[in-house]
Amino acid sequence: MTTTADRAAVTSDPASARPAVIVVQQTLVPPDGTTKFVDQMVGMDNPAVVHRYFSWKRAIVTKYDVFHAHWPELTIRGATPMRRFMRRRYLDAFLLRAKLLRTPIVRHLHNVEPHEPGNAAERRALRRFDRATDVYIRLNPTTVPPTDRPVVTALHGHYRKPYSAYGVPAPEAGRIVYFGIIRPYKGVDRLGTVFSELPDEDVTLRIVGAPSEGQREMVEAHCARDPRITALLRYVSDAELVDEVGRAELVVLPYNEMHNSGAILAAMSLSRPVLAPRTPANTALAEEVGPGWILEYDGELTAEILRQGLETARAGERLAEPDLSERDWDHVGRIVEGAYRLAIARASHRR
């Protein structure tokens, strides 16, 4: 969904700054067979945009019209201090190149701050990157950009198309599912603890996703303590995800901090209700998709909140499927193309 200001900004760039086809250097790596944001970006079926996958060599040496960054902190992280140091130098070289060639930079604001904070050197590098950014793209209208550059709102697209290749199973009574990468801030440990406080024998908790460091042992401990808790601790294929989430009566995403979430969009794409913390972004999404799909709670997750969420989901007071009409990827793709053209126009004015 674009705001009036967004539309005005996108349509104000001069015709002379509009190449017929825009070559975009993404910071995304090629698809790996599971549905990720990269699949959506390169699958928008927009003949006016050509995408290239990321390497620092391509970013620094090759020719393109726009540089599009997603999670820029990931491009400068590494397993060793030397690798992190070198990647920050690659970033400096890229920023110099962008300045000399007036290459426009677009940044997608997936989250307000990195989920795992970096060190001081990383933070300085990211500030340099933001100072060089021409246009931001945000996934929801509540995101405040880090600088005063123009911002375009392009809602996170849904996953109905890739998931439609698989049969969605019927939900199973009492089945609660968490899915997604398991990181400390996502509250999976708390979920396991409060679930075990439920006395019902006919409820189950299924935890699906690849664990980050230290999280596997935590999940396995919950499974060993409560036989109603089971887990699939790895990346899953689309077919597996559709099966695991499709059989859920309720999806629970108990993040300690939640701004944009691909998981919540995946659950909406499969028409499964979600219990999640109350945040401005989640409230906006709840109003968009219609009542009964996003069940928000305040404060820390408790067994009573979990029980009430399951009862509300079971009551089924909602439409047959959530309203995701503003999240069609071809529609989103046209908005993203407009952001590219706005960035090109700004770079043209600098020249």
Protein backbone atom coordinates (compact mmCIF):
# COMPACT_ATOMS: atom_id res chain seq x y z
CA MET A 1 0.00 0.00 0.00
CA THR A 2 1.47 3.35 -1.00
CA THR A 3 0.70 6.60 0.76
CA THR A 4 -0.18 9.81 -1.11
CA ALA A 5 3.36 11.05 -0.46
CA ASP A 6 4.80 7.81 -1.83
CA ARG A 7 2.81 8.08 -5.06
CA ALA A 8 3.76 11.71 -5.52
CA ALA A 9 7.43 10.95 -5.01
CA VAL A 10 7.44 7.96 -7.37
CA THR A 11 5.68 9.81 -10.19
CA SER A 12 7.75 12.98 -9.96
CA ASP A 13 10.97 11.69 -11.51
CA PRO A 14 11.76 13.09 -14.96
CA ALA A 15 11.33 10.90 -18.05
CA SER A 16 14.98 11.40 -18.93
CA ALA A 17 15.95 9.42 -15.79
CA ARG A 18 13.93 6.34 -16.78
CA PRO A 19 15.87 3.54 -18.48
CA ALA A 20 13.62 1.07 -20.29
CA VAL A 21 15.05 -1.82 -18.27
CA ILE A 22 16.60 -1.35 -14.84
CA VAL A 23 19.49 -3.63 -13.88
CA VAL A 24 19.46 -4.09 -10.11
CA GLN A 25 22.33 -5.47 -8.04
CA GLN A 26 20.68 -7.15 -5.05
CA THR A 27 22.42 -8.14 -1.82
CA LEU A 28 20.41 -11.38 -1.98
CA VAL A 29 21.87 -14.78 -2.86
CA PRO A 30 20.18 -17.09 -5.39
CA PRO A 31 17.10 -19.12 -4.40
CA ASP A 32 17.87 -22.46 -2.74
CA GLY A 33 14.60 -24.32 -3.28
CA THR A 34 12.80 -23.01 -0.20
CA THR A 35 10.58 -19.94 -0.43
CA LYS A 36 12.44 -16.90 0.85
CA PHE A 37 12.29 -13.17 0.24
CA VAL A 38 14.69 -13.51 -2.70
CA ASP A 39 12.16 -15.70 -4.53
CA GLN A 40 9.57 -12.97 -4.21
CA MET A 41 11.93 -10.19 -5.32
CA VAL A 42 13.11 -11.94 -8.47
CA GLY A 43 9.74 -13.53 -9.23
CA MET A 44 7.66 -10.36 -9.50
CA ASP A 45 7.28 -10.87 -13.26
CA ASN A 46 8.23 -7.29 -14.07
CA PRO A 47 9.98 -7.08 -17.48
CA ALA A 48 11.26 -3.61 -16.62
CA VAL A 49 13.57 -4.95 -13.90
CA VAL A 50 16.50 -7.38 -14.15
CA HIS A 51 17.98 -8.71 -10.90
CA ARG A 52 21.55 -9.83 -10.20
CA TYR A 53 22.58 -11.91 -7.20
CA PHE A 54 25.17 -10.73 -4.73
CA SER A 55 28.89 -10.95 -4.42
CA TRP A 56 31.20 -8.13 -3.39
CA LYS A 57 33.06 -8.50 -6.70
CA ARG A 58 29.85 -7.91 -8.68
CA ALA A 59 28.90 -4.99 -6.43
CA ILE A 60 32.26 -3.25 -6.82
CA VAL A 61 33.29 -4.11 -10.39
CA THR A 62 30.24 -4.71 -12.62
CA LYS A 63 27.85 -2.19 -14.15
CA TYR A 64 24.23 -1.84 -13.01
CA ASP A 65 21.61 0.88 -12.53
CA VAL A 66 20.59 0.46 -8.88
CA PHE A 67 22.08 -1.21 -5.79
CA HIS A 68 19.35 -2.73 -3.59
CA ALA A 69 20.33 -3.70 -0.05
CA HIS A 70 18.53 -6.14 2.24
CA TRP A 71 19.90 -6.72 5.76
CA PRO A 72 23.16 -4.87 4.93
CA GLU A 73 24.70 -6.05 8.21
CA LEU A 74 24.81 -9.58 6.80
CA THR A 75 27.08 -8.48 3.95
CA ILE A 76 29.81 -7.38 6.37
CA ARG A 77 29.67 -10.18 8.92
CA GLY A 78 31.94 -13.20 8.96
CA ALA A 79 33.20 -16.09 11.05
CA THR A 80 36.52 -14.43 11.95
CA PRO A 81 37.64 -10.88 12.87
CA MET A 82 39.79 -10.74 9.72
CA ARG A 83 36.88 -11.70 7.48
CA ARG A 84 34.66 -9.06 9.09
CA PHE A 85 37.43 -6.46 8.70
CA MET A 86 37.86 -7.30 5.00
CA ARG A 87 34.13 -7.16 4.31
CA ARG A 88 33.92 -3.71 5.89
CA ARG A 89 36.70 -2.65 3.53
CA TYR A 90 34.69 -4.09 0.62
CA LEU A 91 31.80 -1.92 1.78
CA ASP A 92 34.04 1.14 1.86
CA ALA A 93 35.23 0.38 -1.67
CA PHE A 94 31.64 -0.02 -2.84
CA LEU A 95 30.56 3.27 -1.24
CA LEU A 96 33.45 5.08 -2.95
CA ARG A 97 32.45 3.54 -6.27
CA ALA A 98 28.81 4.51 -5.74
CA LYS A 99 29.83 8.08 -4.95
CA LEU A 100 32.11 8.43 -7.99
CA LEU A 101 29.63 6.86 -10.42
CA ARG A 102 26.52 8.32 -8.75
CA THR A 103 25.06 4.84 -8.40
CA PRO A 104 21.70 5.07 -6.59
CA ILE A 105 21.31 2.97 -3.44
CA VAL A 106 17.96 1.60 -2.27
CA ARG A 107 17.61 -0.07 1.11
CA HIS A 108 14.78 -2.36 2.18
CA LEU A 109 13.93 -1.82 5.85
CA HIS A 110 13.17 -5.35 7.01
CA ASN A 111 13.68 -4.52 10.68
CA VAL A 112 14.35 -1.41 12.73
CA GLU A 113 17.62 -2.73 14.16
CA PRO A 114 19.65 -5.90 13.41
CA HIS A 115 18.24 -8.87 15.33
CA GLU A 116 21.75 -9.72 16.57
CA PRO A 117 23.56 -6.42 17.30
CA GLY A 118 27.04 -6.05 15.87
CA ASN A 119 30.12 -4.39 17.32
CA ALA A 120 31.02 -0.70 17.15
CA ALA A 121 32.89 -1.08 13.85
CA GLU A 122 29.83 -2.68 12.25
CA ARG A 123 27.55 0.06 13.53
CA ARG A 124 29.84 2.74 12.09
CA ALA A 125 29.87 0.94 8.73
CA LEU A 126 26.07 0.74 8.67
CA ARG A 127 25.80 4.46 9.44
CA ARG A 128 28.07 5.18 6.47
CA PHE A 129 25.81 3.03 4.33
CA ASP A 130 22.67 4.86 5.48
CA ARG A 131 24.24 8.24 4.75
CA ALA A 132 24.79 7.08 1.16
CA THR A 133 21.28 5.64 0.72
CA ASP A 134 18.98 7.46 -1.72
CA VAL A 135 15.60 5.78 -1.09
CA TYR A 136 14.19 3.46 1.56
CA ILE A 137 11.54 0.81 0.99
CA ARG A 138 9.59 -0.16 4.08
CA LEU A 139 7.40 -3.23 4.51
CA ASN A 140 4.75 -1.53 6.61
CA PRO A 141 3.70 2.09 7.21
CA THR A 142 4.83 2.08 10.87
CA THR A 143 8.56 1.83 10.05
CA VAL A 144 10.54 5.02 10.64
CA PRO A 145 13.64 5.24 8.38
CA PRO A 146 17.02 6.01 9.97
CA THR A 147 17.62 9.12 7.83
CA ASP A 148 15.52 11.77 6.08
CA ARG A 149 15.77 10.17 2.62
CA PRO A 150 12.51 9.47 0.72
CA VAL A 151 10.65 6.35 1.80
CA VAL A 152 8.27 4.20 -0.25
CA THR A 153 5.87 1.73 1.37
CA ALA A 154 5.70 -1.66 -0.39
CA LEU A 155 3.92 -4.21 1.78
CA HIS A 156 5.50 -7.63 2.28
CA GLY A 157 3.98 -9.89 -0.37
CA HIS A 158 2.10 -13.09 0.41
CA TYR A 159 3.19 -16.67 -0.33
CA ARG A 160 -0.01 -18.05 -1.81
CA LYS A 161 1.43 -18.69 -5.26
CA PRO A 162 4.40 -20.91 -4.27
CA TYR A 163 2.36 -22.72 -1.61
CA SER A 164 -0.47 -23.44 -4.05
CA ALA A 165 1.68 -26.19 -5.57
CA TYR A 166 1.02 -28.32 -2.48
CA GLY A 167 -2.14 -29.57 -0.89
CA VAL A 168 -2.87 -27.82 2.40
CA PRO A 169 -3.98 -30.39 5.02
CA ALA A 170 -6.89 -29.81 7.37
CA PRO A 171 -6.03 -28.38 10.81
CA GLU A 172 -5.74 -30.86 13.66
CA ALA A 173 -7.57 -30.13 16.90
CA GLY A 174 -5.24 -28.88 19.63
CA ARG A 175 -2.15 -28.63 17.42
CA ILE A 176 -0.09 -25.50 18.18
CA VAL A 177 2.82 -24.72 15.84
CA TYR A 178 5.83 -22.44 16.02
CA PHE A 179 7.89 -22.25 12.81
CA GLY A 180 10.83 -20.24 11.57
CA ILE A 181 14.48 -19.83 12.49
CA ILE A 182 14.84 -20.36 16.24
CA ARG A 183 16.66 -17.42 17.82
CA PRO A 184 16.64 -16.24 21.44
CA TYR A 185 14.55 -13.12 20.74
CA LYS A 186 11.76 -15.21 19.21
CA GLY A 187 10.61 -16.50 22.59
CA VAL A 188 10.56 -20.24 21.83
CA ASP A 189 11.96 -21.09 25.27
CA ARG A 190 9.12 -19.16 26.92
CA LEU A 191 6.60 -20.87 24.62
CA GLY A 192 7.82 -24.33 25.65
CA THR A 193 7.63 -23.39 29.33
CA VAL A 194 4.09 -21.97 29.29
CA PHE A 195 2.80 -24.74 27.03
CA SER A 196 3.88 -27.32 29.62
CA GLU A 197 1.70 -25.50 32.15
CA LEU A 198 -1.41 -26.42 30.15
CA PRO A 199 -3.07 -29.45 31.78
CA ASP A 200 -4.85 -30.61 28.63
CA GLU A 201 -3.72 -33.96 27.28
CA ASP A 202 -5.25 -33.30 23.86
CA VAL A 203 -3.00 -30.36 22.93
CA THR A 204 0.40 -30.60 21.23
CA LEU A 205 3.18 -28.18 20.44
CA ARG A 206 5.22 -28.61 17.27
CA ILE A 207 8.43 -26.55 16.86
CA VAL A 208 9.71 -26.37 13.29
CA GLY A 209 12.83 -24.56 12.10
CA ALA A 210 16.59 -24.34 12.09
CA PRO A 211 18.03 -23.43 15.52
CA SER A 212 20.70 -20.80 15.99
CA GLU A 213 23.62 -21.43 18.33
CA GLY A 214 22.51 -22.86 21.69
CA GLN A 215 18.84 -23.15 20.73
CA ARG A 216 18.84 -26.81 19.70
CA GLU A 217 19.67 -27.95 23.24
CA MET A 218 16.93 -25.73 24.65
CA VAL A 219 14.25 -27.16 22.35
CA GLU A 220 15.41 -30.75 22.90
CA ALA A 221 15.17 -30.21 26.67
CA HIS A 222 11.54 -29.10 26.32
CA CYS A 223 10.77 -32.15 24.16
CA ALA A 224 12.39 -34.49 26.71
CA ARG A 225 10.42 -32.96 29.60
CA ASP A 226 6.99 -32.92 27.92
CA PRO A 227 6.06 -35.69 25.43
CA ARG A 228 3.39 -33.41 23.94
CA ILE A 229 6.19 -31.23 22.51
CA THR A 230 7.93 -32.42 19.33
CA ALA A 231 10.33 -30.68 16.99
CA LEU A 232 11.77 -30.69 13.48
CA LEU A 233 15.02 -28.78 13.89
CA ARG A 234 16.24 -27.93 10.41
CA TYR A 235 15.36 -25.87 7.39
CA VAL A 236 12.30 -27.36 5.74
CA SER A 237 11.13 -27.48 2.15
CA ASP A 238 8.01 -25.66 1.04
CA ALA A 239 6.13 -28.94 0.93
CA GLU A 240 7.11 -29.71 4.52
CA LEU A 241 6.25 -26.20 5.69
CA VAL A 242 2.80 -26.34 4.08
CA ASP A 243 2.18 -29.69 5.77
CA GLU A 244 3.48 -28.66 9.21
CA VAL A 245 1.74 -25.28 9.33
CA GLY A 246 -1.37 -26.46 7.48
CA ARG A 247 -2.09 -28.99 10.26
CA ALA A 248 -1.95 -26.25 12.91
CA GLU A 249 -5.09 -25.15 14.70
CA LEU A 250 -3.08 -22.17 15.94
CA VAL A 251 0.31 -20.73 14.99
CA VAL A 252 2.16 -19.03 17.86
CA LEU A 253 4.95 -16.51 17.21
CA PRO A 254 5.89 -15.28 20.71
CA TYR A 255 8.70 -12.92 19.69
CA ASN A 256 10.16 -10.63 22.33
CA GLU A 257 10.40 -8.01 19.58
CA MET A 258 8.36 -8.09 16.37
CA HIS A 259 8.27 -5.60 13.52
CA ASN A 260 8.14 -7.36 10.16
CA SER A 261 7.72 -11.11 10.03
CA GLY A 262 7.83 -13.38 7.01
CA ALA A 263 6.48 -16.18 9.21
CA ILE A 264 3.27 -14.33 9.99
CA LEU A 265 2.74 -13.73 6.27
CA ALA A 266 3.39 -17.41 5.57
CA ALA A 267 0.72 -18.36 8.13
CA MET A 268 -1.71 -15.87 6.60
CA SER A 269 -0.95 -17.30 3.14
CA LEU A 270 -2.00 -20.71 4.47
CA SER A 271 -5.07 -19.26 6.24
CA ARG A 272 -3.99 -20.21 9.74
CA PRO A 273 -4.69 -17.89 12.73
CA VAL A 274 -1.67 -16.51 14.55
CA LEU A 275 -1.15 -15.61 18.20
CA ALA A 276 1.49 -12.86 18.40
CA PRO A 277 2.46 -9.91 20.63
CA ARG A 278 0.69 -6.61 20.16
CA THR A 279 2.87 -4.25 18.16
CA PRO A 280 2.03 -1.35 15.80
CA ALA A 281 2.95 -3.52 12.80
CA ASN A 282 0.87 -6.49 13.98
CA THR A 283 -2.10 -4.27 14.78
CA ALA A 284 -1.94 -2.74 11.29
CA LEU A 285 -1.76 -6.22 9.76
CA ALA A 286 -4.69 -7.43 11.89
CA GLU A 287 -6.83 -4.55 10.63
CA GLU A 288 -5.77 -5.26 7.05
CA VAL A 289 -6.46 -9.01 6.91
CA GLY A 290 -9.72 -8.90 8.84
CA PRO A 291 -10.86 -9.92 12.32
CA GLY A 292 -9.95 -13.27 13.84
CA TRP A 293 -6.68 -13.90 12.00
CA ILE A 294 -4.09 -12.04 14.11
CA LEU A 295 -4.74 -12.63 17.81
CA GLU A 296 -2.65 -10.10 19.73
CA TYR A 297 -1.67 -10.27 23.37
CA ASP A 298 -0.03 -7.80 25.75
CA GLY A 299 2.94 -8.40 28.01
CA GLU A 300 4.69 -11.74 28.40
CA LEU A 301 3.16 -14.92 27.00
CA THR A 302 1.38 -17.00 29.66
CA ALA A 303 -0.41 -20.33 29.72
CA GLU A 304 -3.74 -18.50 30.04
CA ILE A 305 -3.00 -16.37 26.96
CA LEU A 306 -2.09 -19.53 25.07
CA ARG A 307 -5.29 -21.29 26.18
CA GLN A 308 -7.47 -18.30 25.26
CA GLY A 309 -5.74 -18.00 21.88
CA LEU A 310 -6.48 -21.62 21.10
CA GLU A 311 -10.13 -21.20 22.12
CA THR A 312 -10.50 -18.09 19.97
CA ALA A 313 -8.93 -19.80 16.98
CA ARG A 314 -11.21 -22.80 17.52
CA ALA A 315 -14.31 -20.57 17.56
CA GLY A 316 -13.50 -19.63 13.96
CA GLU A 317 -15.13 -16.19 13.95
CA ARG A 318 -13.40 -14.98 10.80
CA LEU A 319 -13.74 -14.97 7.03
CA ALA A 320 -12.76 -18.03 5.01
CA GLU A 321 -9.33 -16.53 4.34
CA PRO A 322 -7.44 -13.37 5.29
CA ASP A 323 -7.58 -10.38 2.95
CA LEU A 324 -4.16 -10.19 1.29
CA SER A 325 -5.24 -8.26 -1.81
CA GLU A 326 -2.68 -5.49 -1.21
CA ARG A 327 0.12 -8.05 -1.06
CA ASP A 328 0.07 -9.49 -4.55
CA TRP A 329 3.68 -9.63 -5.70
CA ASP A 330 3.04 -8.14 -9.13
CA HIS A 331 1.42 -5.14 -7.41
CA VAL A 332 4.33 -4.92 -4.96
CA GLY A 333 6.76 -5.21 -7.88
CA ARG A 334 5.37 -2.10 -9.56
CA ILE A 335 5.80 -0.13 -6.34
CA VAL A 336 9.40 -1.38 -5.97
CA GLU A 337 10.12 -0.41 -9.59
CA GLY A 338 8.83 3.07 -8.76
CA ALA A 339 11.28 3.24 -5.85
CA TYR A 340 14.13 2.30 -8.20
CA ARG A 341 13.12 5.04 -10.62
CA LEU A 342 12.88 7.57 -7.82
CA ALA A 343 16.42 6.66 -6.72
CA ILE A 344 17.68 6.94 -10.31
CA ALA A 345 16.07 10.36 -10.62
CA ARG A 346 17.74 11.54 -7.39
CA ALA A 347 21.11 10.32 -8.66
CA SER A 348 20.47 12.09 -11.98
CA HIS A 349 19.84 15.37 -10.16
CA ARG A 350 23.15 14.94 -8.31
CA ARG A 351 24.93 14.72 -11.63
